[in-house]
C-alpha atoms as a PDB file:
ATOM      1  CA  MET A   1       6.839  -0.142  23.045  1.00  0.00           C
ATOM      2  CA  PRO A   2       7.108  -1.454  19.476  1.00  0.00           C
ATOM      3  CA  SER A   3       8.554   0.805  16.810  1.00  0.00           C
ATOM      4  CA  VAL A   4       9.230   0.957  13.074  1.00  0.00           C
ATOM      5  CA  GLU A   5      12.390   2.279  11.512  1.00  0.00           C
ATOM      6  CA  ASN A   6      12.797   3.577   8.003  1.00  0.00           C
ATOM      7  CA  LYS A   7      15.329   2.926   5.296  1.00  0.00           C
ATOM      8  CA  THR A   8      17.068   5.890   3.776  1.00  0.00           C
ATOM      9  CA  PHE A   9      17.351   6.410   0.039  1.00  0.00           C
ATOM     10  CA  GLY A  10      20.974   5.237   0.149  1.00  0.00           C
ATOM     11  CA  GLU A  11      20.067   2.009   1.960  1.00  0.00           C
ATOM     12  CA  ILE A  12      17.302   0.966  -0.422  1.00  0.00           C
ATOM     13  CA  THR A  13      18.197  -1.457  -3.218  1.00  0.00           C
ATOM     14  CA  VAL A  14      16.398  -2.316  -6.452  1.00  0.00           C
ATOM     15  CA  GLY A  15      14.493  -5.585  -5.980  1.00  0.00           C
ATOM     16  CA  GLU A  16      14.028  -5.073  -2.238  1.00  0.00           C
ATOM     17  CA  SER A  17      10.514  -5.818  -1.037  1.00  0.00           C
ATOM     18  CA  ALA A  18       8.100  -5.519   1.863  1.00  0.00           C
ATOM     19  CA  SER A  19       4.742  -7.171   2.403  1.00  0.00           C
ATOM     20  CA  THR A  20       1.850  -7.338   4.812  1.00  0.00           C
ATOM     21  CA  GLU A  21      -1.265  -9.397   5.192  1.00  0.00           C
ATOM     22  CA  ARG A  22      -4.688  -7.937   5.844  1.00  0.00           C
ATOM     23  CA  THR A  23      -8.070  -9.554   6.285  1.00  0.00           C
ATOM     24  CA  LEU A  24     -10.549  -7.180   4.727  1.00  0.00           C
ATOM     25  CA  GLN A  25     -14.026  -7.323   6.271  1.00  0.00           C
ATOM     26  CA  ALA A  26     -17.281  -6.250   4.623  1.00  0.00           C
ATOM     27  CA  GLY A  27     -17.561  -3.633   7.379  1.00  0.00           C
ATOM     28  CA  ASP A  28     -14.272  -2.089   6.196  1.00  0.00           C
ATOM     29  CA  VAL A  29     -15.759  -1.596   2.737  1.00  0.00           C
ATOM     30  CA  ARG A  30     -18.994  -0.180   4.192  1.00  0.00           C
ATOM     31  CA  ALA A  31     -17.011   2.185   6.438  1.00  0.00           C
ATOM     32  CA  TRP A  32     -14.974   3.437   3.477  1.00  0.00           C
ATOM     33  CA  ALA A  33     -18.134   3.934   1.444  1.00  0.00           C
ATOM     34  CA  ALA A  34     -19.855   5.799   4.268  1.00  0.00           C
ATOM     35  CA  ALA A  35     -16.813   7.998   4.927  1.00  0.00           C
ATOM     36  CA  PHE A  36     -16.270   8.918   1.284  1.00  0.00           C
ATOM     37  CA  GLY A  37     -19.824   8.930  -0.021  1.00  0.00           C
ATOM     38  CA  GLU A  38     -19.972   5.968  -2.354  1.00  0.00           C
ATOM     39  CA  ALA A  39     -23.454   4.727  -1.496  1.00  0.00           C
ATOM     40  CA  GLY A  40     -23.458   1.958  -4.131  1.00  0.00           C
ATOM     41  CA  THR A  41     -20.633   0.173  -2.350  1.00  0.00           C
ATOM     42  CA  LEU A  42     -22.743  -0.397   0.746  1.00  0.00           C
ATOM     43  CA  ALA A  43     -24.342  -3.344  -1.021  1.00  0.00           C
ATOM     44  CA  GLY A  44     -21.096  -5.278  -1.635  1.00  0.00           C
ATOM     45  CA  PRO A  45     -17.403  -5.315  -2.413  1.00  0.00           C
ATOM     46  CA  GLY A  46     -17.124  -5.263  -6.203  1.00  0.00           C
ATOM     47  CA  GLU A  47     -14.749  -3.395  -8.443  1.00  0.00           C
ATOM     48  CA  SER A  48     -15.474   0.152  -7.327  1.00  0.00           C
ATOM     49  CA  GLN A  49     -14.045   3.430  -6.123  1.00  0.00           C
ATOM     50  CA  ALA A  50     -13.996   1.890  -2.659  1.00  0.00           C
ATOM     51  CA  ALA A  51     -11.781  -0.941  -3.925  1.00  0.00           C
ATOM     52  CA  ALA A  52      -9.283   1.528  -5.388  1.00  0.00           C
ATOM     53  CA  GLY A  53      -9.340   3.620  -2.221  1.00  0.00           C
ATOM     54  CA  ILE A  54      -8.867   0.644   0.080  1.00  0.00           C
ATOM     55  CA  ILE A  55      -6.023  -0.813  -1.997  1.00  0.00           C
ATOM     56  CA  THR A  56      -4.343   2.591  -2.166  1.00  0.00           C
ATOM     57  CA  GLY A  57      -4.703   2.907   1.600  1.00  0.00           C
ATOM     58  CA  ILE A  58      -3.168  -0.514   2.277  1.00  0.00           C
ATOM     59  CA  LEU A  59      -0.209   0.091  -0.050  1.00  0.00           C
ATOM     60  CA  THR A  60       0.462   3.620   1.189  1.00  0.00           C
ATOM     61  CA  ALA A  61       0.362   2.347   4.782  1.00  0.00           C
ATOM     62  CA  LEU A  62       3.034  -0.184   3.791  1.00  0.00           C
ATOM     63  CA  VAL A  63       5.135   2.655   2.333  1.00  0.00           C
ATOM     64  CA  GLY A  64       4.834   4.571   5.612  1.00  0.00           C
ATOM     65  CA  SER A  65       5.571   1.623   7.860  1.00  0.00           C
ATOM     66  CA  ALA A  66       8.058  -0.549   5.975  1.00  0.00           C
ATOM     67  CA  LEU A  67       9.447   0.568   2.608  1.00  0.00           C
ATOM     68  CA  PRO A  68      10.870   3.143   2.901  1.00  0.00           C
ATOM     69  CA  GLY A  69       9.044   3.721   6.197  1.00  0.00           C
ATOM     70  CA  PRO A  70       8.610   6.782   8.427  1.00  0.00           C
ATOM     71  CA  GLY A  71       9.562  10.077   6.811  1.00  0.00           C
ATOM     72  CA  SER A  72       8.744   8.975   3.269  1.00  0.00           C
ATOM     73  CA  SER A  73       6.390  10.982   1.087  1.00  0.00           C
ATOM     74  CA  ILE A  74       4.309   9.606  -1.778  1.00  0.00           C
ATOM     75  CA  ARG A  75       4.588  11.845  -4.835  1.00  0.00           C
ATOM     76  CA  ALA A  76       2.436   9.832  -7.262  1.00  0.00           C
ATOM     77  CA  ALA A  77       0.329   6.671  -7.169  1.00  0.00           C
ATOM     78  CA  SER A  78      -1.460   4.733  -9.864  1.00  0.00           C
ATOM     79  CA  VAL A  79      -3.708   1.826  -8.894  1.00  0.00           C
ATOM     80  CA  ARG A  80      -5.352  -0.664 -11.208  1.00  0.00           C
ATOM     81  CA  ILE A  81      -8.102  -2.932  -9.865  1.00  0.00           C
ATOM     82  CA  GLU A  82      -7.989  -6.371 -11.497  1.00  0.00           C
ATOM     83  CA  GLY A  83     -10.864  -8.044  -9.641  1.00  0.00           C
ATOM     84  CA  ALA A  84     -13.141  -7.989  -6.635  1.00  0.00           C
ATOM     85  CA  LEU A  85     -11.536  -7.532  -3.246  1.00  0.00           C
ATOM     86  CA  PRO A  86     -11.347 -10.702  -1.175  1.00  0.00           C
ATOM     87  CA  ILE A  87     -13.658 -10.309   1.807  1.00  0.00           C
ATOM     88  CA  ALA A  88     -13.106 -12.234   5.057  1.00  0.00           C
ATOM     89  CA  THR A  89      -9.937 -13.861   3.725  1.00  0.00           C
ATOM     90  CA  VAL A  90      -6.302 -12.869   3.972  1.00  0.00           C
ATOM     91  CA  MET A  91      -5.078 -10.499   1.273  1.00  0.00           C
ATOM     92  CA  THR A  92      -1.336 -10.048   0.775  1.00  0.00           C
ATOM     93  CA  ALA A  93      -0.020  -6.614  -0.195  1.00  0.00           C
ATOM     94  CA  ARG A  94       3.529  -6.404  -1.518  1.00  0.00           C
ATOM     95  CA  LEU A  95       5.843  -3.616  -2.632  1.00  0.00           C
ATOM     96  CA  VAL A  96       8.995  -4.157  -4.704  1.00  0.00           C
ATOM     97  CA  VAL A  97      11.570  -1.493  -5.547  1.00  0.00           C
ATOM     98  CA  ARG A  98      11.575  -1.114  -9.328  1.00  0.00           C
ATOM     99  CA  GLU A  99      14.041   1.751  -9.666  1.00  0.00           C
ATOM    100  CA  LYS A 100      15.802   4.568  -7.884  1.00  0.00           C
ATOM    101  CA  ARG A 101      16.109   8.125  -9.206  1.00  0.00           C
ATOM    102  CA  PRO A 102      19.133   9.541  -7.370  1.00  0.00           C
ATOM    103  CA  ASP A 103      18.795  13.030  -8.858  1.00  0.00           C
ATOM    104  CA  GLN A 104      15.346  13.350  -7.235  1.00  0.00           C
ATOM    105  CA  GLY A 105      15.641  11.018  -4.236  1.00  0.00           C
ATOM    106  CA  ILE A 106      12.670   9.097  -5.629  1.00  0.00           C
ATOM    107  CA  VAL A 107      12.106   5.366  -5.288  1.00  0.00           C
ATOM    108  CA  VAL A 108       9.647   3.760  -7.722  1.00  0.00           C
ATOM    109  CA  LEU A 109       7.733   0.862  -6.197  1.00  0.00           C
ATOM    110  CA  ASP A 110       5.619  -1.800  -7.881  1.00  0.00           C
ATOM    111  CA  GLY A 111       2.670  -2.746  -5.705  1.00  0.00           C
ATOM    112  CA  GLN A 112       0.448  -5.770  -5.814  1.00  0.00           C
ATOM    113  CA  CYS A 113      -2.413  -7.189  -3.761  1.00  0.00           C
ATOM    114  CA  ALA A 114      -3.388 -10.830  -4.092  1.00  0.00           C
ATOM    115  CA  ASP A 115      -6.030 -13.110  -2.635  1.00  0.00           C
ATOM    116  CA  PRO A 116      -5.168 -16.357  -0.808  1.00  0.00           C
ATOM    117  CA  THR A 117      -4.949 -18.321  -4.081  1.00  0.00           C
ATOM    118  CA  GLY A 118      -2.376 -15.875  -5.435  1.00  0.00           C
ATOM    119  CA  GLN A 119      -4.861 -14.265  -7.819  1.00  0.00           C
ATOM    120  CA  VAL A 120      -3.854 -10.625  -8.269  1.00  0.00           C
ATOM    121  CA  VAL A 121      -6.721  -8.291  -7.381  1.00  0.00           C
ATOM    122  CA  ALA A 122      -4.816  -5.023  -7.838  1.00  0.00           C
ATOM    123  CA  THR A 123      -1.530  -3.605  -9.090  1.00  0.00           C
ATOM    124  CA  ALA A 124       0.031  -0.221  -8.455  1.00  0.00           C
ATOM    125  CA  ILE A 125       2.998   1.989  -9.175  1.00  0.00           C
ATOM    126  CA  LEU A 126       4.078   4.419  -6.461  1.00  0.00           C
ATOM    127  CA  GLU A 127       6.699   7.139  -6.690  1.00  0.00           C
ATOM    128  CA  VAL A 128       8.024   7.863  -3.232  1.00  0.00           C
ATOM    129  CA  LEU A 129      10.402  10.509  -1.961  1.00  0.00           C
ATOM    130  CA  ALA A 130      12.599   8.447   0.332  1.00  0.00           C
ATOM    131  CA  PRO A 131      13.987   9.892   3.551  1.00  0.00           C
ATOM    132  CA  THR A 132      17.651  10.846   3.718  1.00  0.00           C
ATOM    133  CA  MET A 133      17.927  10.466   7.481  1.00  0.00           C
ATOM    134  CA  ARG A 134      17.108   7.560   9.769  1.00  0.00           C
ATOM    135  CA  GLN A 135      13.845   7.852  11.660  1.00  0.00           C
ATOM    136  CA  ARG A 136      12.185   5.617  14.212  1.00  0.00           C
ATOM    137  CA  LEU A 137       8.502   5.839  15.021  1.00  0.00           C
ATOM    138  CA  ASP A 138       7.104   4.425  18.257  1.00  0.00           C
ATOM    139  CA  ILE A 139       3.786   2.653  17.838  1.00  0.00           C
ATOM    140  CA  ALA A 140       1.274   2.991  20.646  1.00  0.00           C
END
């Protein structure tokens, strides 16, 4: 069974990064809109609340699965949408450790999502309480 393992606050270094690729489908946007009540998004994927929600979801999933990983807790997130989400093409989401706040156990991450040409479609800043103990999570 595959698993993911976290990094503890002490193991994380400034400049460290994690990334994932995701192909966003129009149905994903429609599902988000239907689930959260943004009827205007059902027509298409522009710059909308759905875009911010989807980008936030992708980046927070990366926090929970890779950097820092299981046991981390997002304390604050700020997302800025720069353009329309790429539909039916691969989008790359990336997190980079900007700073560590040892007195609080917080790691500040810069997030970015880009389309296949490298055009940035969203940026983010996430403040994450990093775990202090190793954890492994089995994935079904």
